[in-house]
Amino acid sequence: ATHSYLLFFTSQGKVHWLKVHEIPEGGRQSKGKAMANLLQLAEGERVATCVPVRDFGAGSHIFFATRQGRVKKTELEAYSHPQRGGIKAIALEDGDEVMAARRTDGRREVVLSTKQGMIIRFSEDEVRPMGRVAAGVRGSELEEGDEIISAEVVQEGSAILTVTERGYGKQTPLEEYRLQGRAGKGIIDIKTGGRNGNVVGAVQAREGDDILVVTTKGKIIRIHAADVSSQGRNTWGVRVIDLDPDDQVGSVARVEAEQAERES
């Protein structure tokens, strides 16, 4: 099951394309090659997410969420004709950027999380497929100063694991986030401000998953999702990692159980 292509969706709403064999191989000592050179990224453009693709057959979609709360769904096929320097994947308003691009069959539910601790869960059916140059529709009604930090396609039986910039967090069963209509304000997931600061990451976690936490000072910590205590919504959470006073959480990623097992 080889993935022949990698689609790189960037913050500026473009998609760049690489064949897997075009990516240089290296040993553990090698430094790797600059993305900007491989993909010809523009000044200030960064990769928001990478989607591996075997074929561009019918039934697959890409679901986008932007910082300012817009969402869009486009058939994967629309991205099957690459050009050097990338092609437009979504139209963005000034100051907006792509925060997430997820592959989906187009008939699932999605969860959007915000910096100020809100979460909205709605059905993808509410977002009709649009062409690749379209701007999409409102996904979440954001409070002043708030922004989307993540979007996930719902996997049944998972929990939402939230981590704040000061190193606090918790996980809450998915069932606690009721299905709502698109474009609403959502519901409170975790309290922000105070000792917590803003939310940095919200990922779906399942039994056996690990979580990688990277700090702004460049430290990386791997923890078992199971060690993050389970709490209801609208709570403060518990300390997840110890941080130096001048450090904070920069990003959070999930390592799936199967990977975690293979590597141990």
Protein backbone atom coordinates (compact mmCIF):
# COMPACT_ATOMS: atom_id res chain seq x y z
CA ALA A 1 0.00 0.00 0.00
CA THR A 2 2.33 2.72 -1.15
CA HIS A 3 1.29 6.34 -1.09
CA SER A 4 2.50 7.66 -4.41
CA TYR A 5 1.93 11.35 -3.70
CA LEU A 6 2.06 13.81 -0.84
CA LEU A 7 -0.15 16.89 -0.99
CA PHE A 8 1.13 19.77 1.10
CA PHE A 9 -1.56 22.31 1.99
CA THR A 10 -0.07 25.61 3.06
CA SER A 11 -1.12 28.41 5.38
CA GLN A 12 -1.63 30.66 2.34
CA GLY A 13 -4.27 28.40 0.82
CA LYS A 14 -2.21 26.65 -1.81
CA VAL A 15 -1.49 23.00 -2.41
CA HIS A 16 1.94 21.74 -3.45
CA TRP A 17 2.55 18.24 -4.64
CA LEU A 18 5.45 15.83 -4.37
CA LYS A 19 5.87 12.29 -5.57
CA VAL A 20 7.13 10.28 -2.61
CA HIS A 21 10.25 9.21 -4.52
CA GLU A 22 11.18 12.90 -5.03
CA ILE A 23 11.80 13.30 -1.33
CA PRO A 24 15.46 12.65 -0.59
CA GLU A 25 16.16 9.70 1.65
CA GLY A 26 18.58 10.14 4.49
CA GLY A 27 19.94 8.30 7.47
CA ARG A 28 19.36 9.40 11.03
CA GLN A 29 22.36 11.73 10.84
CA SER A 30 21.19 13.60 7.76
CA LYS A 31 19.86 17.13 8.16
CA GLY A 32 17.10 16.81 5.60
CA LYS A 33 16.28 19.24 2.82
CA ALA A 34 14.54 22.59 3.16
CA MET A 35 10.81 22.37 2.37
CA ALA A 36 11.01 25.75 0.69
CA ASN A 37 13.44 24.31 -1.88
CA LEU A 38 11.49 21.12 -2.50
CA LEU A 39 8.12 22.87 -2.78
CA GLN A 40 9.06 26.39 -3.87
CA LEU A 41 7.16 28.01 -1.02
CA ALA A 42 6.57 31.75 -1.14
CA GLU A 43 7.99 34.10 1.49
CA GLY A 44 6.16 33.50 4.79
CA GLU A 45 4.29 30.48 3.46
CA ARG A 46 4.36 27.40 5.70
CA VAL A 47 2.98 23.90 5.39
CA ALA A 48 -0.22 23.56 7.44
CA THR A 49 -0.65 19.85 6.78
CA CYS A 50 0.39 16.99 4.56
CA VAL A 51 -2.04 14.45 3.08
CA PRO A 52 -0.69 11.19 1.61
CA VAL A 53 -2.58 10.08 -1.48
CA ARG A 54 -2.48 6.82 -3.41
CA ASP A 55 -5.00 7.78 -6.08
CA PHE A 56 -7.42 10.63 -6.68
CA GLY A 57 -10.46 8.41 -7.11
CA ALA A 58 -14.04 9.46 -6.38
CA GLY A 59 -15.36 9.63 -2.84
CA SER A 60 -12.48 11.43 -1.19
CA HIS A 61 -12.68 15.04 -0.10
CA ILE A 62 -10.41 17.54 1.60
CA PHE A 63 -12.02 19.44 4.46
CA PHE A 64 -10.43 22.81 5.32
CA ALA A 65 -10.68 25.03 8.38
CA THR A 66 -9.18 28.52 8.56
CA ARG A 67 -7.96 30.59 11.48
CA GLN A 68 -10.93 32.95 11.14
CA GLY A 69 -13.49 30.13 11.30
CA ARG A 70 -14.27 29.37 7.68
CA VAL A 71 -14.62 25.79 6.44
CA LYS A 72 -14.66 24.26 2.99
CA LYS A 73 -14.99 20.83 1.44
CA THR A 74 -13.55 20.05 -1.99
CA GLU A 75 -13.27 16.80 -3.90
CA LEU A 76 -9.73 15.44 -3.79
CA GLU A 77 -9.78 15.09 -7.57
CA ALA A 78 -9.68 18.89 -7.90
CA TYR A 79 -6.06 18.73 -6.69
CA SER A 80 -4.85 16.06 -9.10
CA HIS A 81 -3.15 18.42 -11.61
CA PRO A 82 -0.09 19.94 -9.97
CA GLN A 83 1.92 22.93 -11.13
CA ARG A 84 5.29 24.20 -10.05
CA GLY A 85 4.88 26.69 -7.24
CA GLY A 86 1.56 25.12 -6.21
CA ILE A 87 -2.06 25.75 -7.13
CA LYS A 88 -4.83 27.51 -5.22
CA ALA A 89 -6.62 25.20 -2.78
CA ILE A 90 -8.93 27.69 -1.06
CA ALA A 91 -9.57 31.43 -1.36
CA LEU A 92 -8.64 33.28 1.84
CA GLU A 93 -9.63 36.68 3.14
CA ASP A 94 -6.89 39.12 4.15
CA GLY A 95 -5.12 37.99 7.29
CA ASP A 96 -6.74 34.56 7.28
CA GLU A 97 -4.81 31.29 6.92
CA VAL A 98 -5.40 27.57 6.65
CA MET A 99 -5.10 25.86 10.04
CA ALA A 100 -6.08 22.33 8.99
CA ALA A 101 -6.82 20.28 5.89
CA ARG A 102 -8.17 16.79 6.53
CA ARG A 103 -9.04 13.96 4.20
CA THR A 104 -12.60 12.67 4.55
CA ASP A 105 -15.29 10.80 2.64
CA GLY A 106 -17.42 13.93 2.99
CA ARG A 107 -20.12 12.37 5.16
CA ARG A 108 -18.61 12.52 8.61
CA GLU A 109 -18.76 14.94 11.55
CA VAL A 110 -16.08 17.51 12.32
CA VAL A 111 -14.88 19.20 15.48
CA LEU A 112 -13.34 22.70 15.42
CA SER A 113 -11.41 23.93 18.48
CA THR A 114 -10.53 27.52 19.36
CA LYS A 115 -7.72 29.26 21.20
CA GLN A 116 -10.14 30.49 23.88
CA GLY A 117 -11.37 26.99 24.68
CA MET A 118 -14.55 26.66 22.61
CA ILE A 119 -15.46 23.59 20.54
CA ILE A 120 -18.10 23.16 17.87
CA ARG A 121 -19.15 19.80 16.44
CA PHE A 122 -21.25 19.63 13.29
CA SER A 123 -22.01 17.37 10.36
CA GLU A 124 -20.05 17.67 7.12
CA ASP A 125 -23.39 17.40 5.30
CA GLU A 126 -23.80 21.08 6.18
CA VAL A 127 -20.83 21.98 4.00
CA ARG A 128 -21.60 21.25 0.37
CA PRO A 129 -18.62 20.47 -1.90
CA MET A 130 -17.13 23.49 -3.69
CA GLY A 131 -14.46 24.01 -6.31
CA ARG A 132 -10.87 24.55 -5.31
CA VAL A 133 -10.85 28.34 -5.73
CA ALA A 134 -13.95 28.88 -3.57
CA ALA A 135 -13.67 30.51 -0.14
CA GLY A 136 -15.98 28.20 1.78
CA VAL A 137 -18.59 29.01 4.42
CA ARG A 138 -18.71 30.03 8.07
CA GLY A 139 -17.83 27.09 10.32
CA SER A 140 -17.73 28.76 13.71
CA GLU A 141 -18.89 32.10 15.12
CA LEU A 142 -15.78 33.34 16.93
CA GLU A 143 -15.66 35.79 19.82
CA GLU A 144 -13.49 38.90 19.42
CA GLY A 145 -9.82 37.85 19.56
CA ASP A 146 -10.54 34.14 19.28
CA GLU A 147 -9.33 31.89 16.46
CA ILE A 148 -9.50 28.28 15.26
CA ILE A 149 -6.47 26.22 16.27
CA SER A 150 -7.50 22.77 15.03
CA ALA A 151 -10.06 20.75 13.11
CA GLU A 152 -10.58 17.01 13.33
CA VAL A 153 -12.77 14.53 11.48
CA VAL A 154 -14.63 12.67 14.23
CA GLN A 155 -13.52 9.12 15.02
CA GLU A 156 -16.10 7.35 17.14
CA GLY A 157 -14.91 6.18 20.52
CA SER A 158 -12.24 8.83 20.88
CA ALA A 159 -11.78 11.59 23.44
CA ILE A 160 -10.82 15.20 22.86
CA LEU A 161 -7.45 15.82 24.51
CA THR A 162 -6.85 19.54 25.04
CA VAL A 163 -3.55 21.14 26.08
CA THR A 164 -3.02 24.80 27.03
CA GLU A 165 0.07 26.94 26.58
CA ARG A 166 0.97 26.78 30.28
CA GLY A 167 1.03 22.98 30.24
CA TYR A 168 -2.42 22.13 31.62
CA GLY A 169 -4.90 19.86 29.92
CA LYS A 170 -7.47 17.08 30.11
CA GLN A 171 -9.39 14.67 27.97
CA THR A 172 -13.15 14.57 27.63
CA PRO A 173 -15.24 11.87 25.90
CA LEU A 174 -16.48 12.91 22.48
CA GLU A 175 -20.11 12.30 23.54
CA GLU A 176 -19.93 15.38 25.78
CA TYR A 177 -19.74 17.61 22.71
CA ARG A 178 -23.24 17.51 21.31
CA LEU A 179 -23.86 17.82 17.59
CA GLN A 180 -24.77 21.41 16.68
CA GLY A 181 -25.42 23.38 13.54
CA ARG A 182 -22.56 24.84 11.54
CA ALA A 183 -21.67 28.50 12.17
CA GLY A 184 -22.68 28.55 15.84
CA LYS A 185 -20.54 29.62 18.80
CA GLY A 186 -20.06 26.07 20.05
CA ILE A 187 -19.68 25.11 23.70
CA ILE A 188 -16.97 25.58 26.31
CA ASP A 189 -14.37 22.82 26.27
CA ILE A 190 -11.79 24.09 28.77
CA LYS A 191 -11.38 27.26 30.83
CA THR A 192 -8.69 29.59 29.49
CA GLY A 193 -6.74 32.52 30.89
CA GLY A 194 -5.56 32.42 34.51
CA ARG A 195 -3.05 29.64 35.13
CA ASN A 196 -3.94 27.93 31.83
CA GLY A 197 -3.38 30.55 29.17
CA ASN A 198 -4.81 29.83 25.73
CA VAL A 199 -5.41 26.43 24.15
CA VAL A 200 -2.55 25.31 21.92
CA GLY A 201 -3.71 21.89 20.81
CA ALA A 202 -6.85 19.76 20.73
CA VAL A 203 -6.45 16.28 19.30
CA GLN A 204 -8.55 13.14 19.27
CA ALA A 205 -7.04 10.42 21.40
CA ARG A 206 -7.93 6.77 21.66
CA GLU A 207 -6.92 3.93 23.94
CA GLY A 208 -3.15 3.39 23.69
CA ASP A 209 -2.31 6.63 21.83
CA ASP A 210 0.63 8.81 22.80
CA ILE A 211 0.79 12.59 22.64
CA LEU A 212 3.85 14.58 21.59
CA VAL A 213 4.18 18.01 23.16
CA VAL A 214 6.71 20.48 21.75
CA THR A 215 7.55 23.63 23.70
CA THR A 216 8.48 27.03 22.31
CA LYS A 217 11.98 26.60 23.78
CA GLY A 218 12.39 23.45 21.72
CA LYS A 219 11.81 20.71 24.29
CA ILE A 220 9.80 17.67 23.23
CA ILE A 221 7.92 15.35 25.57
CA ARG A 222 6.03 12.15 24.75
CA ILE A 223 3.24 11.16 27.12
CA HIS A 224 0.63 8.43 27.18
CA ALA A 225 -2.79 9.88 26.47
CA ALA A 226 -4.09 7.58 29.22
CA ASP A 227 -2.01 9.54 31.76
CA VAL A 228 -3.94 12.74 31.02
CA SER A 229 -6.88 12.73 33.41
CA SER A 230 -10.42 12.61 32.11
CA GLN A 231 -12.67 15.53 33.08
CA GLY A 232 -15.91 17.01 31.88
CA ARG A 233 -16.24 20.11 29.74
CA ASN A 234 -15.81 23.62 31.12
CA THR A 235 -13.15 22.59 33.66
CA TRP A 236 -9.56 23.77 34.28
CA GLY A 237 -7.84 20.46 33.57
CA VAL A 238 -4.70 19.27 35.37
CA ARG A 239 -0.98 19.81 34.89
CA VAL A 240 0.12 17.71 31.93
CA ILE A 241 3.78 18.73 31.70
CA ASP A 242 6.20 20.70 33.86
CA LEU A 243 7.44 23.83 32.13
CA ASP A 244 10.24 26.22 32.94
CA PRO A 245 8.77 29.62 33.90
CA ASP A 246 9.79 31.19 30.56
CA ASP A 247 8.70 28.24 28.41
CA GLN A 248 5.29 27.33 27.02
CA VAL A 249 3.63 24.69 24.88
CA GLY A 250 4.00 25.37 21.17
CA SER A 251 2.29 22.40 19.57
CA VAL A 252 0.68 19.05 20.29
CA ALA A 253 0.48 15.97 18.04
CA ARG A 254 -0.96 12.52 18.38
CA VAL A 255 0.96 9.29 17.86
CA GLU A 256 -1.55 6.55 17.10
CA ALA A 257 -1.60 3.38 19.19
CA GLU A 258 -0.45 1.09 16.36
CA GLN A 259 2.59 3.30 15.71
CA ALA A 260 3.33 3.56 19.41
CA GLU A 261 3.27 -0.24 19.72
CA ARG A 262 5.41 -0.84 16.64
CA GLU A 263 8.05 1.55 17.93
CA SER A 264 8.23 0.23 21.48
